[in-house]
Amino acid sequence: MEATENTILYYGRRSRKNGGYDWIVRIDNDGCFVTDPIENWDKDEDYRDEAISNPALYKLLEFD
């Protein structure tokens, strides 16, 4: 799924240590941003393709 004008996608990089996530990737119409910790977002387009195309490492996070 690609981010559209009104869509924000979040992918969690699965952690091998604790079952959580090592970092979060946010993809929106402004670009791709990576965070670790959650308060510090850095723009990094290198993670876009990796997050979208690698479901073994990244999980698409869904919110209600």
C-alpha atoms as a PDB file:
ATOM      1  CA  MET A   1       0.000   0.000   0.000  1.00  0.00           C
ATOM      2  CA  GLU A   2       1.391   3.391  -0.974  1.00  0.00           C
ATOM      3  CA  ALA A   3       0.778   6.579   0.992  1.00  0.00           C
ATOM      4  CA  THR A   4      -1.649   8.893  -0.772  1.00  0.00           C
ATOM      5  CA  GLU A   5      -2.389  12.550  -0.123  1.00  0.00           C
ATOM      6  CA  ASN A   6      -4.571  11.766   2.904  1.00  0.00           C
ATOM      7  CA  THR A   7      -2.877   8.566   4.056  1.00  0.00           C
ATOM      8  CA  ILE A   8      -0.188   8.145   6.677  1.00  0.00           C
ATOM      9  CA  LEU A   9       1.348   4.679   6.946  1.00  0.00           C
ATOM     10  CA  TYR A  10       3.314   3.462   9.951  1.00  0.00           C
ATOM     11  CA  TYR A  11       5.585   0.415   9.842  1.00  0.00           C
ATOM     12  CA  GLY A  12       7.203  -1.090  12.916  1.00  0.00           C
ATOM     13  CA  ARG A  13      10.667  -2.678  12.517  1.00  0.00           C
ATOM     14  CA  ARG A  14      10.282  -5.966  14.384  1.00  0.00           C
ATOM     15  CA  SER A  15      12.710  -6.421  17.263  1.00  0.00           C
ATOM     16  CA  ARG A  16      14.494  -9.731  17.717  1.00  0.00           C
ATOM     17  CA  LYS A  17      15.127  -8.957  21.389  1.00  0.00           C
ATOM     18  CA  ASN A  18      11.841  -8.122  23.080  1.00  0.00           C
ATOM     19  CA  GLY A  19       9.017  -8.814  20.630  1.00  0.00           C
ATOM     20  CA  GLY A  20       8.342  -5.095  20.175  1.00  0.00           C
ATOM     21  CA  TYR A  21       9.753  -2.719  17.581  1.00  0.00           C
ATOM     22  CA  ASP A  22      13.265  -1.317  17.170  1.00  0.00           C
ATOM     23  CA  TRP A  23      11.972   1.782  15.371  1.00  0.00           C
ATOM     24  CA  ILE A  24       8.944   3.133  13.541  1.00  0.00           C
ATOM     25  CA  VAL A  25       8.845   4.254   9.901  1.00  0.00           C
ATOM     26  CA  ARG A  26       6.238   6.866   8.929  1.00  0.00           C
ATOM     27  CA  ILE A  27       5.400   7.347   5.244  1.00  0.00           C
ATOM     28  CA  ASP A  28       3.200  10.237   4.111  1.00  0.00           C
ATOM     29  CA  ASN A  29       2.962  12.753   1.282  1.00  0.00           C
ATOM     30  CA  ASP A  30       5.892  14.719   2.786  1.00  0.00           C
ATOM     31  CA  GLY A  31       8.266  11.755   2.640  1.00  0.00           C
ATOM     32  CA  CYS A  32       9.577   8.940   4.774  1.00  0.00           C
ATOM     33  CA  PHE A  33      10.536   9.520   8.401  1.00  0.00           C
ATOM     34  CA  VAL A  34      12.209   7.185  10.892  1.00  0.00           C
ATOM     35  CA  THR A  35      12.034   7.492  14.659  1.00  0.00           C
ATOM     36  CA  ASP A  36      13.949   6.105  17.616  1.00  0.00           C
ATOM     37  CA  PRO A  37      12.756   7.149  20.125  1.00  0.00           C
ATOM     38  CA  ILE A  38       9.222   8.191  19.159  1.00  0.00           C
ATOM     39  CA  GLU A  39       9.832  11.898  19.923  1.00  0.00           C
ATOM     40  CA  ASN A  40      12.621  12.290  17.363  1.00  0.00           C
ATOM     41  CA  TRP A  41      11.551  11.965  13.710  1.00  0.00           C
ATOM     42  CA  ASP A  42      14.308  12.118  11.072  1.00  0.00           C
ATOM     43  CA  LYS A  43      13.557  12.233   7.353  1.00  0.00           C
ATOM     44  CA  ASP A  44      15.208   9.252   5.652  1.00  0.00           C
ATOM     45  CA  GLU A  45      13.905   8.033   2.296  1.00  0.00           C
ATOM     46  CA  ASP A  46      16.156   4.946   2.421  1.00  0.00           C
ATOM     47  CA  TYR A  47      13.674   3.168   4.694  1.00  0.00           C
ATOM     48  CA  ARG A  48      10.628   3.604   2.423  1.00  0.00           C
ATOM     49  CA  ASP A  49      11.217   0.650   0.078  1.00  0.00           C
ATOM     50  CA  GLU A  50      12.619  -1.542   2.838  1.00  0.00           C
ATOM     51  CA  ALA A  51       9.556  -1.047   5.054  1.00  0.00           C
ATOM     52  CA  ILE A  52       7.028  -1.546   2.256  1.00  0.00           C
ATOM     53  CA  SER A  53       8.664  -4.559   0.615  1.00  0.00           C
ATOM     54  CA  ASN A  54       9.940  -6.550   3.593  1.00  0.00           C
ATOM     55  CA  PRO A  55       7.040  -7.918   5.694  1.00  0.00           C
ATOM     56  CA  ALA A  56       9.397 -10.314   7.502  1.00  0.00           C
ATOM     57  CA  LEU A  57      11.107  -7.351   9.174  1.00  0.00           C
ATOM     58  CA  TYR A  58       8.424  -4.650   9.102  1.00  0.00           C
ATOM     59  CA  LYS A  59       4.806  -4.810  10.191  1.00  0.00           C
ATOM     60  CA  LEU A  60       2.221  -2.359   8.863  1.00  0.00           C
ATOM     61  CA  LEU A  61       0.723  -0.858  12.012  1.00  0.00           C
ATOM     62  CA  GLU A  62      -3.024  -0.323  12.033  1.00  0.00           C
ATOM     63  CA  PHE A  63      -4.895   2.065  14.278  1.00  0.00           C
ATOM     64  CA  ASP A  64      -8.599   2.105  15.138  1.00  0.00           C
END
